[in-house]
Amino acid sequence: MRIRTGMIALIGAVALAGPALGGTKDDVRDLQARMMQAEQAIANQSAMMVRVSELESRNQQLTGRIEELTYKLEQANQRLDAVTAALSGGGATGALGDTAMSGDGLGDGPVDLMGGASGAALGSDDPIGDQIARETAVDQAGSVGGGDVSLPIDPNAAFDYASGFLLAGDYQRAKAAFSLYLEAFPNHQRTPDAQFRLGEIHLALGENAAAADAFIAHIRNYPNNTRAAEAYLKLGTAFARLDKTSEACTVFKTMKSKHPNAPSAVVQRTDLEMARIDCK
């Protein structure tokens, strides 16, 4: 009797537990599915973090490269500006000094970059002047360089190409390259600078009429350029070297009228030039 009662109770318990066990299995399967989803999400997040880390590393590399290129560009521009300033005698303490700007007898011939009135060579203290003087002498002897200049198609690369000759002291090829640049890229943003540098090279080589033409073109075509005031200064200098004192004085006065806020160095140089040729 007791055994039978126990069996009945066991059967009843199993019957009652059946639905509960079924629910537990569903819960386990649901939990397993959730765990798989969580694991997948963690894996995706890990992959994303790795990708973000890679991108951050790449960004740091690119930033470093940009900074390096920016520094090199600034250094190149500084060297280029220093060379062109020296070429044109742009400052009282420039590499060429005031000899090229204020020497006697500066007509349309080459500027006496080797020592002014005394004829004393500047020697190693003025390597740019020595180089220009040597090239001028070679040109006068009948062997003119610069015939093998060929610009790249890209305008920025072409400007750098022409500037490379200038930095290397090859002024004849620099002149030829900048002249070609003006023909090939008349509307590029760097064309005004090419026009200005061409004028400076002409001025340094004593080609004063050509220098005047170059600076007149710069003033006419780019009146609002950052170097417009300096172009007036260089144009007046070219006229003074051509013994066109009246025209030079007019240009200097026009510069001071049109550009009252010109850089102080340009104003000082203009005043010096006006005093030198006795502008009234």
C-alpha atoms as a PDB file:
ATOM      1  CA  MET A   1       0.000   0.000   0.000  1.00  0.00           C
ATOM      2  CA  ARG A   2       2.824   2.384   0.941  1.00  0.00           C
ATOM      3  CA  ILE A   3       4.738   1.517  -2.242  1.00  0.00           C
ATOM      4  CA  ARG A   4       1.737   2.236  -4.364  1.00  0.00           C
ATOM      5  CA  THR A   5       1.151   5.542  -2.656  1.00  0.00           C
ATOM      6  CA  GLY A   6       4.819   6.487  -3.214  1.00  0.00           C
ATOM      7  CA  MET A   7       4.627   5.655  -6.911  1.00  0.00           C
ATOM      8  CA  ILE A   8       1.526   7.758  -7.270  1.00  0.00           C
ATOM      9  CA  ALA A   9       3.264  10.670  -5.557  1.00  0.00           C
ATOM     10  CA  LEU A  10       6.344  10.288  -7.782  1.00  0.00           C
ATOM     11  CA  ILE A  11       4.258  10.189 -10.930  1.00  0.00           C
ATOM     12  CA  GLY A  12       2.381  13.254  -9.739  1.00  0.00           C
ATOM     13  CA  ALA A  13       5.642  15.110  -9.035  1.00  0.00           C
ATOM     14  CA  VAL A  14       7.063  14.287 -12.450  1.00  0.00           C
ATOM     15  CA  ALA A  15       3.832  15.393 -14.058  1.00  0.00           C
ATOM     16  CA  LEU A  16       3.919  18.637 -12.190  1.00  0.00           C
ATOM     17  CA  ALA A  17       7.619  19.199 -12.925  1.00  0.00           C
ATOM     18  CA  GLY A  18       7.273  18.553 -16.645  1.00  0.00           C
ATOM     19  CA  PRO A  19       6.181  22.081 -17.645  1.00  0.00           C
ATOM     20  CA  ALA A  20       8.833  23.613 -15.368  1.00  0.00           C
ATOM     21  CA  LEU A  21      11.642  21.580 -16.935  1.00  0.00           C
ATOM     22  CA  GLY A  22      10.437  22.546 -20.400  1.00  0.00           C
ATOM     23  CA  GLY A  23      10.561  26.208 -19.434  1.00  0.00           C
ATOM     24  CA  THR A  24      14.103  25.818 -18.068  1.00  0.00           C
ATOM     25  CA  LYS A  25      15.336  24.398 -21.363  1.00  0.00           C
ATOM     26  CA  ASP A  26      13.893  27.362 -23.231  1.00  0.00           C
ATOM     27  CA  ASP A  27      15.516  29.706 -20.773  1.00  0.00           C
ATOM     28  CA  VAL A  28      18.873  27.987 -21.226  1.00  0.00           C
ATOM     29  CA  ARG A  29      18.614  28.178 -24.996  1.00  0.00           C
ATOM     30  CA  ASP A  30      17.658  31.853 -24.769  1.00  0.00           C
ATOM     31  CA  LEU A  31      20.574  32.499 -22.426  1.00  0.00           C
ATOM     32  CA  GLN A  32      22.943  30.711 -24.756  1.00  0.00           C
ATOM     33  CA  ALA A  33      21.700  32.823 -27.673  1.00  0.00           C
ATOM     34  CA  ARG A  34      22.167  35.994 -25.643  1.00  0.00           C
ATOM     35  CA  MET A  35      25.679  34.905 -24.666  1.00  0.00           C
ATOM     36  CA  MET A  36      26.559  34.265 -28.323  1.00  0.00           C
ATOM     37  CA  GLN A  37      25.241  37.716 -29.255  1.00  0.00           C
ATOM     38  CA  ALA A  38      27.257  39.277 -26.438  1.00  0.00           C
ATOM     39  CA  GLU A  39      30.389  37.423 -27.512  1.00  0.00           C
ATOM     40  CA  GLN A  40      29.872  38.564 -31.096  1.00  0.00           C
ATOM     41  CA  ALA A  41      29.362  42.159 -29.943  1.00  0.00           C
ATOM     42  CA  ILE A  42      32.546  41.963 -27.864  1.00  0.00           C
ATOM     43  CA  ALA A  43      34.428  40.559 -30.860  1.00  0.00           C
ATOM     44  CA  ASN A  44      33.080  43.340 -33.084  1.00  0.00           C
ATOM     45  CA  GLN A  45      33.995  45.957 -30.492  1.00  0.00           C
ATOM     46  CA  SER A  46      37.500  44.527 -30.201  1.00  0.00           C
ATOM     47  CA  ALA A  47      37.930  44.612 -33.969  1.00  0.00           C
ATOM     48  CA  MET A  48      36.649  48.183 -34.026  1.00  0.00           C
ATOM     49  CA  MET A  49      39.069  49.193 -31.283  1.00  0.00           C
ATOM     50  CA  VAL A  50      41.929  47.647 -33.227  1.00  0.00           C
ATOM     51  CA  ARG A  51      40.834  49.555 -36.328  1.00  0.00           C
ATOM     52  CA  VAL A  52      40.553  52.795 -34.354  1.00  0.00           C
ATOM     53  CA  SER A  53      44.024  52.192 -32.956  1.00  0.00           C
ATOM     54  CA  GLU A  54      45.359  51.617 -36.466  1.00  0.00           C
ATOM     55  CA  LEU A  55      43.690  54.815 -37.701  1.00  0.00           C
ATOM     56  CA  GLU A  56      45.094  56.800 -34.779  1.00  0.00           C
ATOM     57  CA  SER A  57      48.570  55.456 -35.511  1.00  0.00           C
ATOM     58  CA  ARG A  58      48.181  56.312 -39.195  1.00  0.00           C
ATOM     59  CA  ASN A  59      46.912  59.775 -38.319  1.00  0.00           C
ATOM     60  CA  GLN A  60      49.947  60.362 -36.114  1.00  0.00           C
ATOM     61  CA  GLN A  61      52.232  59.265 -38.935  1.00  0.00           C
ATOM     62  CA  LEU A  62      50.470  61.565 -41.408  1.00  0.00           C
ATOM     63  CA  THR A  63      50.551  64.452 -38.951  1.00  0.00           C
ATOM     64  CA  GLY A  64      54.261  63.940 -38.452  1.00  0.00           C
ATOM     65  CA  ARG A  65      54.798  63.796 -42.203  1.00  0.00           C
ATOM     66  CA  ILE A  66      52.759  66.971 -42.739  1.00  0.00           C
ATOM     67  CA  GLU A  67      54.773  68.769 -40.068  1.00  0.00           C
ATOM     68  CA  GLU A  68      58.005  67.569 -41.653  1.00  0.00           C
ATOM     69  CA  LEU A  69      56.925  68.707 -45.138  1.00  0.00           C
ATOM     70  CA  THR A  70      55.678  72.030 -43.758  1.00  0.00           C
ATOM     71  CA  TYR A  71      59.021  72.611 -42.075  1.00  0.00           C
ATOM     72  CA  LYS A  72      60.914  71.745 -45.253  1.00  0.00           C
ATOM     73  CA  LEU A  73      58.653  74.039 -47.293  1.00  0.00           C
ATOM     74  CA  GLU A  74      59.212  76.896 -44.853  1.00  0.00           C
ATOM     75  CA  GLN A  75      62.966  76.312 -44.989  1.00  0.00           C
ATOM     76  CA  ALA A  76      62.916  76.248 -48.791  1.00  0.00           C
ATOM     77  CA  ASN A  77      60.850  79.438 -48.936  1.00  0.00           C
ATOM     78  CA  GLN A  78      63.226  81.145 -46.524  1.00  0.00           C
ATOM     79  CA  ARG A  79      66.211  80.122 -48.630  1.00  0.00           C
ATOM     80  CA  LEU A  80      64.452  81.235 -51.801  1.00  0.00           C
ATOM     81  CA  ASP A  81      63.491  84.589 -50.317  1.00  0.00           C
ATOM     82  CA  ALA A  82      67.038  85.058 -49.047  1.00  0.00           C
ATOM     83  CA  VAL A  83      68.469  84.323 -52.471  1.00  0.00           C
ATOM     84  CA  THR A  84      66.098  86.656 -54.303  1.00  0.00           C
ATOM     85  CA  ALA A  85      66.662  89.376 -51.713  1.00  0.00           C
ATOM     86  CA  ALA A  86      70.394  88.980 -52.214  1.00  0.00           C
ATOM     87  CA  LEU A  87      69.980  88.970 -55.965  1.00  0.00           C
ATOM     88  CA  SER A  88      68.169  92.307 -55.959  1.00  0.00           C
ATOM     89  CA  GLY A  89      70.045  93.963 -53.131  1.00  0.00           C
ATOM     90  CA  GLY A  90      66.757  94.138 -51.253  1.00  0.00           C
ATOM     91  CA  GLY A  91      68.187  95.115 -47.870  1.00  0.00           C
ATOM     92  CA  ALA A  92      70.945  97.245 -46.478  1.00  0.00           C
ATOM     93  CA  THR A  93      72.633  94.197 -45.019  1.00  0.00           C
ATOM     94  CA  GLY A  94      71.841  91.743 -47.828  1.00  0.00           C
ATOM     95  CA  ALA A  95      74.417  89.333 -49.200  1.00  0.00           C
ATOM     96  CA  LEU A  96      75.172  91.753 -52.022  1.00  0.00           C
ATOM     97  CA  GLY A  97      75.103  94.813 -49.767  1.00  0.00           C
ATOM     98  CA  ASP A  98      74.267  98.213 -51.260  1.00  0.00           C
ATOM     99  CA  THR A  99      76.879  98.038 -54.020  1.00  0.00           C
ATOM    100  CA  ALA A 100      74.508  96.645 -56.633  1.00  0.00           C
ATOM    101  CA  MET A 101      71.810  99.150 -55.708  1.00  0.00           C
ATOM    102  CA  SER A 102      73.818 102.358 -55.374  1.00  0.00           C
ATOM    103  CA  GLY A 103      77.020 101.990 -57.414  1.00  0.00           C
ATOM    104  CA  ASP A 104      77.985 104.658 -59.949  1.00  0.00           C
ATOM    105  CA  GLY A 105      77.511 104.320 -63.665  1.00  0.00           C
ATOM    106  CA  LEU A 106      74.724 101.744 -63.562  1.00  0.00           C
ATOM    107  CA  GLY A 107      73.297 101.983 -67.040  1.00  0.00           C
ATOM    108  CA  ASP A 108      71.746  99.076 -68.884  1.00  0.00           C
ATOM    109  CA  GLY A 109      74.858  96.931 -68.595  1.00  0.00           C
ATOM    110  CA  PRO A 110      75.601  94.296 -65.961  1.00  0.00           C
ATOM    111  CA  VAL A 111      75.700  95.492 -62.368  1.00  0.00           C
ATOM    112  CA  ASP A 112      79.169  95.593 -60.830  1.00  0.00           C
ATOM    113  CA  LEU A 113      78.610  92.860 -58.262  1.00  0.00           C
ATOM    114  CA  MET A 114      82.295  92.281 -57.751  1.00  0.00           C
ATOM    115  CA  GLY A 115      83.150  95.394 -55.817  1.00  0.00           C
ATOM    116  CA  GLY A 116      81.558  98.678 -56.936  1.00  0.00           C
ATOM    117  CA  ALA A 117      83.711 101.696 -57.785  1.00  0.00           C
ATOM    118  CA  SER A 118      86.925 100.260 -56.387  1.00  0.00           C
ATOM    119  CA  GLY A 119      86.585  97.072 -58.400  1.00  0.00           C
ATOM    120  CA  ALA A 120      87.643  94.987 -55.386  1.00  0.00           C
ATOM    121  CA  ALA A 121      86.233  91.475 -55.517  1.00  0.00           C
ATOM    122  CA  LEU A 122      83.769  90.515 -52.812  1.00  0.00           C
ATOM    123  CA  GLY A 123      85.228  87.016 -52.799  1.00  0.00           C
ATOM    124  CA  SER A 124      83.822  84.332 -50.556  1.00  0.00           C
ATOM    125  CA  ASP A 125      81.840  86.891 -48.534  1.00  0.00           C
ATOM    126  CA  ASP A 126      79.472  87.194 -51.493  1.00  0.00           C
ATOM    127  CA  PRO A 127      79.190  83.840 -53.272  1.00  0.00           C
ATOM    128  CA  ILE A 128      75.941  84.824 -54.985  1.00  0.00           C
ATOM    129  CA  GLY A 129      77.537  87.943 -56.426  1.00  0.00           C
ATOM    130  CA  ASP A 130      80.560  85.924 -57.551  1.00  0.00           C
ATOM    131  CA  GLN A 131      78.317  83.393 -59.270  1.00  0.00           C
ATOM    132  CA  ILE A 132      76.294  86.051 -61.095  1.00  0.00           C
ATOM    133  CA  ALA A 133      79.456  87.864 -62.157  1.00  0.00           C
ATOM    134  CA  ARG A 134      80.968  84.651 -63.523  1.00  0.00           C
ATOM    135  CA  GLU A 135      77.795  83.821 -65.448  1.00  0.00           C
ATOM    136  CA  THR A 136      77.607  87.370 -66.796  1.00  0.00           C
ATOM    137  CA  ALA A 137      81.201  87.098 -68.005  1.00  0.00           C
ATOM    138  CA  VAL A 138      80.426  83.783 -69.676  1.00  0.00           C
ATOM    139  CA  ASP A 139      77.380  85.265 -71.384  1.00  0.00           C
ATOM    140  CA  GLN A 140      79.408  88.212 -72.674  1.00  0.00           C
ATOM    141  CA  ALA A 141      81.964  85.765 -74.053  1.00  0.00           C
ATOM    142  CA  GLY A 142      79.218  84.214 -76.154  1.00  0.00           C
ATOM    143  CA  SER A 143      78.395  81.006 -74.287  1.00  0.00           C
ATOM    144  CA  VAL A 144      74.903  81.418 -72.915  1.00  0.00           C
ATOM    145  CA  GLY A 145      73.297  78.726 -70.778  1.00  0.00           C
ATOM    146  CA  GLY A 146      69.638  78.114 -70.129  1.00  0.00           C
ATOM    147  CA  GLY A 147      68.662  76.618 -73.468  1.00  0.00           C
ATOM    148  CA  ASP A 148      67.803  73.204 -72.040  1.00  0.00           C
ATOM    149  CA  VAL A 149      65.003  74.257 -69.691  1.00  0.00           C
ATOM    150  CA  SER A 150      61.828  72.171 -69.866  1.00  0.00           C
ATOM    151  CA  LEU A 151      58.999  72.740 -67.390  1.00  0.00           C
ATOM    152  CA  PRO A 152      56.948  69.958 -65.760  1.00  0.00           C
ATOM    153  CA  ILE A 153      53.265  69.887 -66.667  1.00  0.00           C
ATOM    154  CA  ASP A 154      52.058  70.529 -63.110  1.00  0.00           C
ATOM    155  CA  PRO A 155      52.218  74.289 -62.339  1.00  0.00           C
ATOM    156  CA  ASN A 156      53.378  73.840 -58.744  1.00  0.00           C
ATOM    157  CA  ALA A 157      56.068  71.406 -59.809  1.00  0.00           C
ATOM    158  CA  ALA A 158      57.036  73.823 -62.588  1.00  0.00           C
ATOM    159  CA  PHE A 159      57.404  76.689 -60.095  1.00  0.00           C
ATOM    160  CA  ASP A 160      59.540  74.528 -57.820  1.00  0.00           C
ATOM    161  CA  TYR A 161      61.577  73.499 -60.849  1.00  0.00           C
ATOM    162  CA  ALA A 162      62.304  77.125 -61.753  1.00  0.00           C
ATOM    163  CA  SER A 163      63.007  77.991 -58.121  1.00  0.00           C
ATOM    164  CA  GLY A 164      65.450  75.103 -57.941  1.00  0.00           C
ATOM    165  CA  PHE A 165      67.662  76.806 -60.522  1.00  0.00           C
ATOM    166  CA  LEU A 166      67.518  79.992 -58.485  1.00  0.00           C
ATOM    167  CA  LEU A 167      68.472  78.202 -55.275  1.00  0.00           C
ATOM    168  CA  ALA A 168      71.319  76.460 -57.094  1.00  0.00           C
ATOM    169  CA  GLY A 169      72.673  79.776 -58.362  1.00  0.00           C
ATOM    170  CA  ASP A 170      71.888  78.976 -62.004  1.00  0.00           C
ATOM    171  CA  TYR A 171      70.332  82.350 -62.738  1.00  0.00           C
ATOM    172  CA  GLN A 172      70.283  82.057 -66.512  1.00  0.00           C
ATOM    173  CA  ARG A 173      68.208  78.875 -66.361  1.00  0.00           C
ATOM    174  CA  ALA A 174      66.091  80.343 -63.568  1.00  0.00           C
ATOM    175  CA  LYS A 175      65.333  83.304 -65.819  1.00  0.00           C
ATOM    176  CA  ALA A 176      64.457  81.012 -68.712  1.00  0.00           C
ATOM    177  CA  ALA A 177      62.317  78.757 -66.505  1.00  0.00           C
ATOM    178  CA  PHE A 178      60.334  81.616 -64.957  1.00  0.00           C
ATOM    179  CA  SER A 179      59.796  83.117 -68.416  1.00  0.00           C
ATOM    180  CA  LEU A 180      58.408  79.786 -69.625  1.00  0.00           C
ATOM    181  CA  TYR A 181      56.259  79.555 -66.500  1.00  0.00           C
ATOM    182  CA  LEU A 182      54.580  82.872 -67.291  1.00  0.00           C
ATOM    183  CA  GLU A 183      53.770  81.642 -70.779  1.00  0.00           C
ATOM    184  CA  ALA A 184      52.564  78.210 -69.683  1.00  0.00           C
ATOM    185  CA  PHE A 185      50.556  79.196 -66.583  1.00  0.00           C
ATOM    186  CA  PRO A 186      49.350  82.800 -67.012  1.00  0.00           C
ATOM    187  CA  ASN A 187      46.456  82.404 -64.556  1.00  0.00           C
ATOM    188  CA  HIS A 188      47.925  80.253 -61.797  1.00  0.00           C
ATOM    189  CA  GLN A 189      48.022  81.534 -58.219  1.00  0.00           C
ATOM    190  CA  ARG A 190      51.832  81.415 -58.221  1.00  0.00           C
ATOM    191  CA  THR A 191      52.186  83.374 -61.457  1.00  0.00           C
ATOM    192  CA  PRO A 192      52.482  86.773 -59.702  1.00  0.00           C
ATOM    193  CA  ASP A 193      55.415  85.451 -57.696  1.00  0.00           C
ATOM    194  CA  ALA A 194      57.011  84.061 -60.850  1.00  0.00           C
ATOM    195  CA  GLN A 195      56.618  87.479 -62.510  1.00  0.00           C
ATOM    196  CA  PHE A 196      58.210  89.188 -59.517  1.00  0.00           C
ATOM    197  CA  ARG A 197      61.144  86.774 -59.320  1.00  0.00           C
ATOM    198  CA  LEU A 198      61.795  87.172 -63.031  1.00  0.00           C
ATOM    199  CA  GLY A 199      62.057  90.924 -62.520  1.00  0.00           C
ATOM    200  CA  GLU A 200      64.477  90.430 -59.646  1.00  0.00           C
ATOM    201  CA  ILE A 201      66.711  88.197 -61.733  1.00  0.00           C
ATOM    202  CA  HIS A 202      66.767  90.728 -64.576  1.00  0.00           C
ATOM    203  CA  LEU A 203      67.579  93.473 -62.094  1.00  0.00           C
ATOM    204  CA  ALA A 204      70.425  91.509 -60.522  1.00  0.00           C
ATOM    205  CA  LEU A 205      71.942  90.679 -63.916  1.00  0.00           C
ATOM    206  CA  GLY A 206      71.931  94.326 -64.948  1.00  0.00           C
ATOM    207  CA  GLU A 207      69.165  93.801 -67.505  1.00  0.00           C
ATOM    208  CA  ASN A 208      67.451  96.919 -66.241  1.00  0.00           C
ATOM    209  CA  ALA A 209      65.125  97.544 -69.201  1.00  0.00           C
ATOM    210  CA  ALA A 210      63.878  93.950 -68.999  1.00  0.00           C
ATOM    211  CA  ALA A 211      63.547  94.295 -65.229  1.00  0.00           C
ATOM    212  CA  ALA A 212      61.428  97.434 -65.686  1.00  0.00           C
ATOM    213  CA  ASP A 213      59.175  95.607 -68.147  1.00  0.00           C
ATOM    214  CA  ALA A 214      58.793  92.706 -65.718  1.00  0.00           C
ATOM    215  CA  PHE A 215      57.857  94.904 -62.766  1.00  0.00           C
ATOM    216  CA  ILE A 216      55.507  97.035 -64.879  1.00  0.00           C
ATOM    217  CA  ALA A 217      53.732  93.809 -65.869  1.00  0.00           C
ATOM    218  CA  HIS A 218      53.529  92.787 -62.210  1.00  0.00           C
ATOM    219  CA  ILE A 219      52.062  96.160 -61.155  1.00  0.00           C
ATOM    220  CA  ARG A 220      49.596  96.208 -64.060  1.00  0.00           C
ATOM    221  CA  ASN A 221      48.429  92.611 -63.760  1.00  0.00           C
ATOM    222  CA  TYR A 222      48.537  92.108 -59.984  1.00  0.00           C
ATOM    223  CA  PRO A 223      47.830  95.495 -58.341  1.00  0.00           C
ATOM    224  CA  ASN A 224      46.573  93.881 -55.133  1.00  0.00           C
ATOM    225  CA  ASN A 225      49.352  91.341 -54.773  1.00  0.00           C
ATOM    226  CA  THR A 226      51.198  91.231 -51.459  1.00  0.00           C
ATOM    227  CA  ARG A 227      54.362  92.284 -53.270  1.00  0.00           C
ATOM    228  CA  ALA A 228      52.838  95.169 -55.216  1.00  0.00           C
ATOM    229  CA  ALA A 229      54.588  97.831 -53.113  1.00  0.00           C
ATOM    230  CA  GLU A 230      57.910  96.051 -53.492  1.00  0.00           C
ATOM    231  CA  ALA A 231      57.340  95.845 -57.252  1.00  0.00           C
ATOM    232  CA  TYR A 232      57.080  99.663 -57.311  1.00  0.00           C
ATOM    233  CA  LEU A 233      60.355  99.854 -55.374  1.00  0.00           C
ATOM    234  CA  LYS A 234      62.124  97.550 -57.813  1.00  0.00           C
ATOM    235  CA  LEU A 235      60.641  99.355 -60.825  1.00  0.00           C
ATOM    236  CA  GLY A 236      61.916 102.679 -59.509  1.00  0.00           C
ATOM    237  CA  THR A 237      65.315 101.096 -58.947  1.00  0.00           C
ATOM    238  CA  ALA A 238      65.387  99.845 -62.534  1.00  0.00           C
ATOM    239  CA  PHE A 239      64.505 103.332 -63.852  1.00  0.00           C
ATOM    240  CA  ALA A 240      67.213 104.874 -61.680  1.00  0.00           C
ATOM    241  CA  ARG A 241      69.771 102.480 -63.122  1.00  0.00           C
ATOM    242  CA  LEU A 242      68.630 103.480 -66.590  1.00  0.00           C
ATOM    243  CA  ASP A 243      69.344 107.112 -65.642  1.00  0.00           C
ATOM    244  CA  LYS A 244      65.614 107.863 -65.824  1.00  0.00           C
ATOM    245  CA  THR A 245      65.640 109.828 -62.575  1.00  0.00           C
ATOM    246  CA  SER A 246      62.349 111.638 -63.134  1.00  0.00           C
ATOM    247  CA  GLU A 247      60.506 108.399 -63.868  1.00  0.00           C
ATOM    248  CA  ALA A 248      62.123 106.705 -60.882  1.00  0.00           C
ATOM    249  CA  CYS A 249      61.058 109.486 -58.517  1.00  0.00           C
ATOM    250  CA  THR A 250      57.512 109.344 -59.880  1.00  0.00           C
ATOM    251  CA  VAL A 251      57.364 105.601 -59.273  1.00  0.00           C
ATOM    252  CA  PHE A 252      58.705 105.921 -55.720  1.00  0.00           C
ATOM    253  CA  LYS A 253      56.174 108.647 -54.884  1.00  0.00           C
ATOM    254  CA  THR A 254      53.373 106.610 -56.435  1.00  0.00           C
ATOM    255  CA  MET A 255      54.319 103.632 -54.287  1.00  0.00           C
ATOM    256  CA  LYS A 256      54.151 105.705 -51.095  1.00  0.00           C
ATOM    257  CA  SER A 257      50.803 107.143 -52.185  1.00  0.00           C
ATOM    258  CA  LYS A 258      49.194 103.884 -53.259  1.00  0.00           C
ATOM    259  CA  HIS A 259      50.671 101.739 -50.485  1.00  0.00           C
ATOM    260  CA  PRO A 260      50.785 103.804 -47.281  1.00  0.00           C
ATOM    261  CA  ASN A 261      50.842 100.584 -45.251  1.00  0.00           C
ATOM    262  CA  ALA A 262      53.706  98.979 -47.157  1.00  0.00           C
ATOM    263  CA  PRO A 263      56.181  96.902 -45.119  1.00  0.00           C
ATOM    264  CA  SER A 264      58.624  99.079 -43.220  1.00  0.00           C
ATOM    265  CA  ALA A 265      61.607  97.524 -45.008  1.00  0.00           C
ATOM    266  CA  VAL A 266      60.136  98.542 -48.384  1.00  0.00           C
ATOM    267  CA  VAL A 267      59.393 102.072 -47.173  1.00  0.00           C
ATOM    268  CA  GLN A 268      62.887 102.474 -45.737  1.00  0.00           C
ATOM    269  CA  ARG A 269      64.474 101.222 -48.933  1.00  0.00           C
ATOM    270  CA  THR A 270      62.305 103.555 -51.000  1.00  0.00           C
ATOM    271  CA  ASP A 271      63.324 106.530 -48.865  1.00  0.00           C
ATOM    272  CA  LEU A 272      66.957 105.549 -49.286  1.00  0.00           C
ATOM    273  CA  GLU A 273      66.631 105.296 -53.054  1.00  0.00           C
ATOM    274  CA  MET A 274      64.765 108.623 -53.255  1.00  0.00           C
ATOM    275  CA  ALA A 275      67.514 110.295 -51.243  1.00  0.00           C
ATOM    276  CA  ARG A 276      70.198 108.696 -53.400  1.00  0.00           C
ATOM    277  CA  ILE A 277      68.803 110.132 -56.657  1.00  0.00           C
ATOM    278  CA  ASP A 278      67.734 113.369 -54.957  1.00  0.00           C
ATOM    279  CA  CYS A 279      63.993 113.130 -55.512  1.00  0.00           C
ATOM    280  CA  LYS A 280      62.236 116.416 -54.760  1.00  0.00           C
END
